[in-house]
Amino acid sequence: MAKIEPIQFFRQVRQEVAKVTWPSRRETGISTGMVLLMVVLASVFFLLVDQFFSWAVRMIFGLGV
């Protein structure tokens, strides 16, 4: 593997970073909101599934009497 001098490396990094298309503030806000919404929905879903299985196991083993 060829060695690259640090100055050349940082030049290449700067060129690659210049090619990146950064999202706008609005796009970032919308994406953040969607992620938070999905986290809440997944949390509620798993809470409900956990409660159902907890109830089912109590009923099967007769602990819910």
PDB file of N, CA and C in Angstrom:
ATOM      1  N   MET A   1       0.852  -1.173   0.000  1.00  0.00           N
ATOM      2  CA  MET A   1       0.000   0.000   0.000  1.00  0.00           C
ATOM      3  C   MET A   1       0.901   1.240   0.000  1.00  0.00           C
ATOM      4  N   ALA A   2       0.575   2.157  -0.855  1.00  0.00           N
ATOM      5  CA  ALA A   2       1.386   3.368  -0.999  1.00  0.00           C
ATOM      6  C   ALA A   2       1.129   4.305   0.175  1.00  0.00           C
ATOM      7  N   LYS A   3       2.188   4.907   0.653  1.00  0.00           N
ATOM      8  CA  LYS A   3       2.053   5.883   1.743  1.00  0.00           C
ATOM      9  C   LYS A   3       1.690   7.236   1.162  1.00  0.00           C
ATOM     10  N   ILE A   4       0.757   7.894   1.828  1.00  0.00           N
ATOM     11  CA  ILE A   4       0.343   9.236   1.413  1.00  0.00           C
ATOM     12  C   ILE A   4       0.784  10.197   2.503  1.00  0.00           C
ATOM     13  N   GLU A   5       1.352  11.281   2.103  1.00  0.00           N
ATOM     14  CA  GLU A   5       1.780  12.283   3.071  1.00  0.00           C
ATOM     15  C   GLU A   5       0.554  12.941   3.704  1.00  0.00           C
ATOM     16  N   PRO A   6       0.678  13.364   4.953  1.00  0.00           N
ATOM     17  CA  PRO A   6      -0.473  13.957   5.652  1.00  0.00           C
ATOM     18  C   PRO A   6      -1.097  15.137   4.919  1.00  0.00           C
ATOM     19  N   ILE A   7      -0.299  15.978   4.317  1.00  0.00           N
ATOM     20  CA  ILE A   7      -0.851  17.141   3.612  1.00  0.00           C
ATOM     21  C   ILE A   7      -1.694  16.688   2.427  1.00  0.00           C
ATOM     22  N   GLN A   8      -1.195  15.711   1.675  1.00  0.00           N
ATOM     23  CA  GLN A   8      -1.942  15.173   0.532  1.00  0.00           C
ATOM     24  C   GLN A   8      -3.237  14.512   1.009  1.00  0.00           C
ATOM     25  N   PHE A   9      -3.149  13.773   2.107  1.00  0.00           N
ATOM     26  CA  PHE A   9      -4.327  13.113   2.666  1.00  0.00           C
ATOM     27  C   PHE A   9      -5.409  14.134   3.001  1.00  0.00           C
ATOM     28  N   PHE A  10      -5.036  15.205   3.707  1.00  0.00           N
ATOM     29  CA  PHE A  10      -6.028  16.206   4.098  1.00  0.00           C
ATOM     30  C   PHE A  10      -6.587  16.955   2.887  1.00  0.00           C
ATOM     31  N   ARG A  11      -5.800  17.127   1.851  1.00  0.00           N
ATOM     32  CA  ARG A  11      -6.321  17.718   0.608  1.00  0.00           C
ATOM     33  C   ARG A  11      -7.405  16.829   0.007  1.00  0.00           C
ATOM     34  N   GLN A  12      -7.125  15.534  -0.030  1.00  0.00           N
ATOM     35  CA  GLN A  12      -8.099  14.592  -0.581  1.00  0.00           C
ATOM     36  C   GLN A  12      -9.368  14.556   0.268  1.00  0.00           C
ATOM     37  N   VAL A  13      -9.198  14.590   1.574  1.00  0.00           N
ATOM     38  CA  VAL A  13     -10.370  14.613   2.461  1.00  0.00           C
ATOM     39  C   VAL A  13     -11.201  15.855   2.196  1.00  0.00           C
ATOM     40  N   ARG A  14     -10.541  16.989   2.052  1.00  0.00           N
ATOM     41  CA  ARG A  14     -11.261  18.250   1.798  1.00  0.00           C
ATOM     42  C   ARG A  14     -12.012  18.189   0.472  1.00  0.00           C
ATOM     43  N   GLN A  15     -11.402  17.587  -0.558  1.00  0.00           N
ATOM     44  CA  GLN A  15     -12.066  17.448  -1.854  1.00  0.00           C
ATOM     45  C   GLN A  15     -13.307  16.565  -1.729  1.00  0.00           C
ATOM     46  N   GLU A  16     -13.199  15.481  -0.967  1.00  0.00           N
ATOM     47  CA  GLU A  16     -14.342  14.581  -0.807  1.00  0.00           C
ATOM     48  C   GLU A  16     -15.465  15.239  -0.008  1.00  0.00           C
ATOM     49  N   VAL A  17     -15.116  15.986   1.029  1.00  0.00           N
ATOM     50  CA  VAL A  17     -16.127  16.671   1.837  1.00  0.00           C
ATOM     51  C   VAL A  17     -16.847  17.722   0.999  1.00  0.00           C
ATOM     52  N   ALA A  18     -16.153  18.330   0.052  1.00  0.00           N
ATOM     53  CA  ALA A  18     -16.774  19.335  -0.810  1.00  0.00           C
ATOM     54  C   ALA A  18     -17.846  18.712  -1.707  1.00  0.00           C
ATOM     55  N   LYS A  19     -17.753  17.413  -1.968  1.00  0.00           N
ATOM     56  CA  LYS A  19     -18.720  16.718  -2.822  1.00  0.00           C
ATOM     57  C   LYS A  19     -20.003  16.349  -2.074  1.00  0.00           C
ATOM     58  N   VAL A  20     -19.971  16.419  -0.756  1.00  0.00           N
ATOM     59  CA  VAL A  20     -21.120  16.002   0.055  1.00  0.00           C
ATOM     60  C   VAL A  20     -22.258  16.993  -0.115  1.00  0.00           C
ATOM     61  N   THR A  21     -23.469  16.472  -0.279  1.00  0.00           N
ATOM     62  CA  THR A  21     -24.663  17.304  -0.331  1.00  0.00           C
ATOM     63  C   THR A  21     -25.291  17.294   1.053  1.00  0.00           C
ATOM     64  N   TRP A  22     -25.181  18.410   1.758  1.00  0.00           N
ATOM     65  CA  TRP A  22     -25.678  18.484   3.120  1.00  0.00           C
ATOM     66  C   TRP A  22     -27.171  18.804   3.098  1.00  0.00           C
ATOM     67  N   PRO A  23     -27.951  18.199   4.011  1.00  0.00           N
ATOM     68  CA  PRO A  23     -29.390  18.490   4.051  1.00  0.00           C
ATOM     69  C   PRO A  23     -29.639  19.898   4.594  1.00  0.00           C
ATOM     70  N   SER A  24     -30.764  20.446   4.191  1.00  0.00           N
ATOM     71  CA  SER A  24     -31.137  21.774   4.689  1.00  0.00           C
ATOM     72  C   SER A  24     -31.637  21.657   6.127  1.00  0.00           C
ATOM     73  N   ARG A  25     -31.792  22.798   6.766  1.00  0.00           N
ATOM     74  CA  ARG A  25     -32.296  22.801   8.151  1.00  0.00           C
ATOM     75  C   ARG A  25     -33.698  22.189   8.194  1.00  0.00           C
ATOM     76  N   ARG A  26     -34.505  22.481   7.190  1.00  0.00           N
ATOM     77  CA  ARG A  26     -35.875  21.954   7.144  1.00  0.00           C
ATOM     78  C   ARG A  26     -35.866  20.439   6.995  1.00  0.00           C
ATOM     79  N   GLU A  27     -35.029  19.923   6.084  1.00  0.00           N
ATOM     80  CA  GLU A  27     -34.934  18.474   5.891  1.00  0.00           C
ATOM     81  C   GLU A  27     -34.446  17.778   7.164  1.00  0.00           C
ATOM     82  N   THR A  28     -33.503  18.390   7.843  1.00  0.00           N
ATOM     83  CA  THR A  28     -32.997  17.820   9.088  1.00  0.00           C
ATOM     84  C   THR A  28     -34.088  17.782  10.150  1.00  0.00           C
ATOM     85  N   GLY A  29     -34.860  18.851  10.240  1.00  0.00           N
ATOM     86  CA  GLY A  29     -35.958  18.902  11.211  1.00  0.00           C
ATOM     87  C   GLY A  29     -37.020  17.857  10.931  1.00  0.00           C
ATOM     88  N   ILE A  30     -37.376  17.704   9.662  1.00  0.00           N
ATOM     89  CA  ILE A  30     -38.389  16.715   9.293  1.00  0.00           C
ATOM     90  C   ILE A  30     -37.886  15.305   9.589  1.00  0.00           C
ATOM     91  N   SER A  31     -36.642  15.029   9.250  1.00  0.00           N
ATOM     92  CA  SER A  31     -36.071  13.705   9.513  1.00  0.00           C
ATOM     93  C   SER A  31     -36.009  13.417  11.012  1.00  0.00           C
ATOM     94  N   THR A  32     -35.640  14.407  11.788  1.00  0.00           N
ATOM     95  CA  THR A  32     -35.584  14.232  13.239  1.00  0.00           C
ATOM     96  C   THR A  32     -36.971  13.950  13.801  1.00  0.00           C
ATOM     97  N   GLY A  33     -37.964  14.690  13.323  1.00  0.00           N
ATOM     98  CA  GLY A  33     -39.340  14.463  13.764  1.00  0.00           C
ATOM     99  C   GLY A  33     -39.830  13.068  13.417  1.00  0.00           C
ATOM    100  N   MET A  34     -39.507  12.601  12.228  1.00  0.00           N
ATOM    101  CA  MET A  34     -39.926  11.259  11.817  1.00  0.00           C
ATOM    102  C   MET A  34     -39.259  10.184  12.678  1.00  0.00           C
ATOM    103  N   VAL A  35     -37.986  10.378  12.981  1.00  0.00           N
ATOM    104  CA  VAL A  35     -37.284   9.411  13.824  1.00  0.00           C
ATOM    105  C   VAL A  35     -37.920   9.365  15.213  1.00  0.00           C
ATOM    106  N   LEU A  36     -38.195  10.529  15.792  1.00  0.00           N
ATOM    107  CA  LEU A  36     -38.817  10.569  17.115  1.00  0.00           C
ATOM    108  C   LEU A  36     -40.199   9.929  17.101  1.00  0.00           C
ATOM    109  N   LEU A  37     -40.972  10.183  16.059  1.00  0.00           N
ATOM    110  CA  LEU A  37     -42.295   9.576  15.932  1.00  0.00           C
ATOM    111  C   LEU A  37     -42.194   8.051  15.861  1.00  0.00           C
ATOM    112  N   MET A  38     -41.257   7.543  15.075  1.00  0.00           N
ATOM    113  CA  MET A  38     -41.092   6.099  14.951  1.00  0.00           C
ATOM    114  C   MET A  38     -40.622   5.477  16.268  1.00  0.00           C
ATOM    115  N   VAL A  39     -39.798   6.182  17.007  1.00  0.00           N
ATOM    116  CA  VAL A  39     -39.351   5.686  18.321  1.00  0.00           C
ATOM    117  C   VAL A  39     -40.540   5.572  19.267  1.00  0.00           C
ATOM    118  N   VAL A  40     -41.398   6.577  19.275  1.00  0.00           N
ATOM    119  CA  VAL A  40     -42.580   6.548  20.139  1.00  0.00           C
ATOM    120  C   VAL A  40     -43.504   5.407  19.722  1.00  0.00           C
ATOM    121  N   LEU A  41     -43.767   5.263  18.432  1.00  0.00           N
ATOM    122  CA  LEU A  41     -44.647   4.187  17.957  1.00  0.00           C
ATOM    123  C   LEU A  41     -44.086   2.811  18.284  1.00  0.00           C
ATOM    124  N   ALA A  42     -42.794   2.615  18.076  1.00  0.00           N
ATOM    125  CA  ALA A  42     -42.177   1.322  18.386  1.00  0.00           C
ATOM    126  C   ALA A  42     -42.240   1.057  19.890  1.00  0.00           C
ATOM    127  N   SER A  43     -42.026   2.078  20.695  1.00  0.00           N
ATOM    128  CA  SER A  43     -42.073   1.915  22.155  1.00  0.00           C
ATOM    129  C   SER A  43     -43.470   1.497  22.612  1.00  0.00           C
ATOM    130  N   VAL A  44     -44.478   2.149  22.087  1.00  0.00           N
ATOM    131  CA  VAL A  44     -45.857   1.808  22.450  1.00  0.00           C
ATOM    132  C   VAL A  44     -46.184   0.389  21.976  1.00  0.00           C
ATOM    133  N   PHE A  45     -45.782   0.035  20.769  1.00  0.00           N
ATOM    134  CA  PHE A  45     -46.031  -1.304  20.245  1.00  0.00           C
ATOM    135  C   PHE A  45     -45.416  -2.370  21.147  1.00  0.00           C
ATOM    136  N   PHE A  46     -44.139  -2.201  21.494  1.00  0.00           N
ATOM    137  CA  PHE A  46     -43.474  -3.200  22.315  1.00  0.00           C
ATOM    138  C   PHE A  46     -44.024  -3.223  23.746  1.00  0.00           C
ATOM    139  N   LEU A  47     -44.478  -2.083  24.251  1.00  0.00           N
ATOM    140  CA  LEU A  47     -45.140  -2.059  25.553  1.00  0.00           C
ATOM    141  C   LEU A  47     -46.406  -2.904  25.518  1.00  0.00           C
ATOM    142  N   LEU A  48     -47.207  -2.721  24.476  1.00  0.00           N
ATOM    143  CA  LEU A  48     -48.457  -3.480  24.361  1.00  0.00           C
ATOM    144  C   LEU A  48     -48.195  -4.966  24.180  1.00  0.00           C
ATOM    145  N   VAL A  49     -47.236  -5.335  23.354  1.00  0.00           N
ATOM    146  CA  VAL A  49     -46.902  -6.748  23.149  1.00  0.00           C
ATOM    147  C   VAL A  49     -46.403  -7.357  24.452  1.00  0.00           C
ATOM    148  N   ASP A  50     -45.552  -6.645  25.178  1.00  0.00           N
ATOM    149  CA  ASP A  50     -45.032  -7.129  26.455  1.00  0.00           C
ATOM    150  C   ASP A  50     -46.160  -7.323  27.466  1.00  0.00           C
ATOM    151  N   GLN A  51     -47.076  -6.374  27.526  1.00  0.00           N
ATOM    152  CA  GLN A  51     -48.200  -6.497  28.455  1.00  0.00           C
ATOM    153  C   GLN A  51     -49.079  -7.699  28.089  1.00  0.00           C
ATOM    154  N   PHE A  52     -49.311  -7.920  26.794  1.00  0.00           N
ATOM    155  CA  PHE A  52     -50.118  -9.055  26.362  1.00  0.00           C
ATOM    156  C   PHE A  52     -49.461 -10.374  26.759  1.00  0.00           C
ATOM    157  N   PHE A  53     -48.160 -10.515  26.488  1.00  0.00           N
ATOM    158  CA  PHE A  53     -47.481 -11.765  26.824  1.00  0.00           C
ATOM    159  C   PHE A  53     -47.408 -11.964  28.337  1.00  0.00           C
ATOM    160  N   SER A  54     -47.246 -10.885  29.075  1.00  0.00           N
ATOM    161  CA  SER A  54     -47.238 -10.973  30.527  1.00  0.00           C
ATOM    162  C   SER A  54     -48.590 -11.487  31.027  1.00  0.00           C
ATOM    163  N   TRP A  55     -49.652 -10.929  30.487  1.00  0.00           N
ATOM    164  CA  TRP A  55     -51.000 -11.370  30.855  1.00  0.00           C
ATOM    165  C   TRP A  55     -51.213 -12.828  30.461  1.00  0.00           C
ATOM    166  N   ALA A  56     -50.798 -13.221  29.250  1.00  0.00           N
ATOM    167  CA  ALA A  56     -50.982 -14.587  28.777  1.00  0.00           C
ATOM    168  C   ALA A  56     -50.233 -15.595  29.652  1.00  0.00           C
ATOM    169  N   VAL A  57     -49.021 -15.298  30.033  1.00  0.00           N
ATOM    170  CA  VAL A  57     -48.244 -16.201  30.875  1.00  0.00           C
ATOM    171  C   VAL A  57     -48.889 -16.324  32.257  1.00  0.00           C
ATOM    172  N   ARG A  58     -49.395 -15.206  32.808  1.00  0.00           N
ATOM    173  CA  ARG A  58     -50.079 -15.278  34.100  1.00  0.00           C
ATOM    174  C   ARG A  58     -51.324 -16.160  34.012  1.00  0.00           C
ATOM    175  N   MET A  59     -52.046 -16.057  32.899  1.00  0.00           N
ATOM    176  CA  MET A  59     -53.245 -16.874  32.736  1.00  0.00           C
ATOM    177  C   MET A  59     -52.888 -18.354  32.567  1.00  0.00           C
ATOM    178  N   ILE A  60     -51.860 -18.647  31.811  1.00  0.00           N
ATOM    179  CA  ILE A  60     -51.461 -20.040  31.561  1.00  0.00           C
ATOM    180  C   ILE A  60     -51.009 -20.706  32.853  1.00  0.00           C
ATOM    181  N   PHE A  61     -50.241 -20.022  33.652  1.00  0.00           N
ATOM    182  CA  PHE A  61     -49.715 -20.629  34.876  1.00  0.00           C
ATOM    183  C   PHE A  61     -50.606 -20.391  36.084  1.00  0.00           C
ATOM    184  N   GLY A  62     -51.748 -19.749  35.870  1.00  0.00           N
ATOM    185  CA  GLY A  62     -52.701 -19.552  36.950  1.00  0.00           C
ATOM    186  C   GLY A  62     -52.250 -18.548  37.985  1.00  0.00           C
ATOM    187  N   LEU A  63     -51.370 -17.674  37.634  1.00  0.00           N
ATOM    188  CA  LEU A  63     -50.880 -16.683  38.589  1.00  0.00           C
ATOM    189  C   LEU A  63     -51.745 -15.436  38.607  1.00  0.00           C
ATOM    190  N   GLY A  64     -52.674 -15.331  37.691  1.00  0.00           N
ATOM    191  CA  GLY A  64     -53.494 -14.124  37.589  1.00  0.00           C
ATOM    192  C   GLY A  64     -54.825 -14.261  38.270  1.00  0.00           C
ATOM    193  N   VAL A  65     -54.978 -15.242  39.128  1.00  0.00           N
ATOM    194  CA  VAL A  65     -56.248 -15.489  39.796  1.00  0.00           C
ATOM    195  C   VAL A  65     -56.457 -14.521  40.913  1.00  0.00           C
TER     196      VAL A  65
END
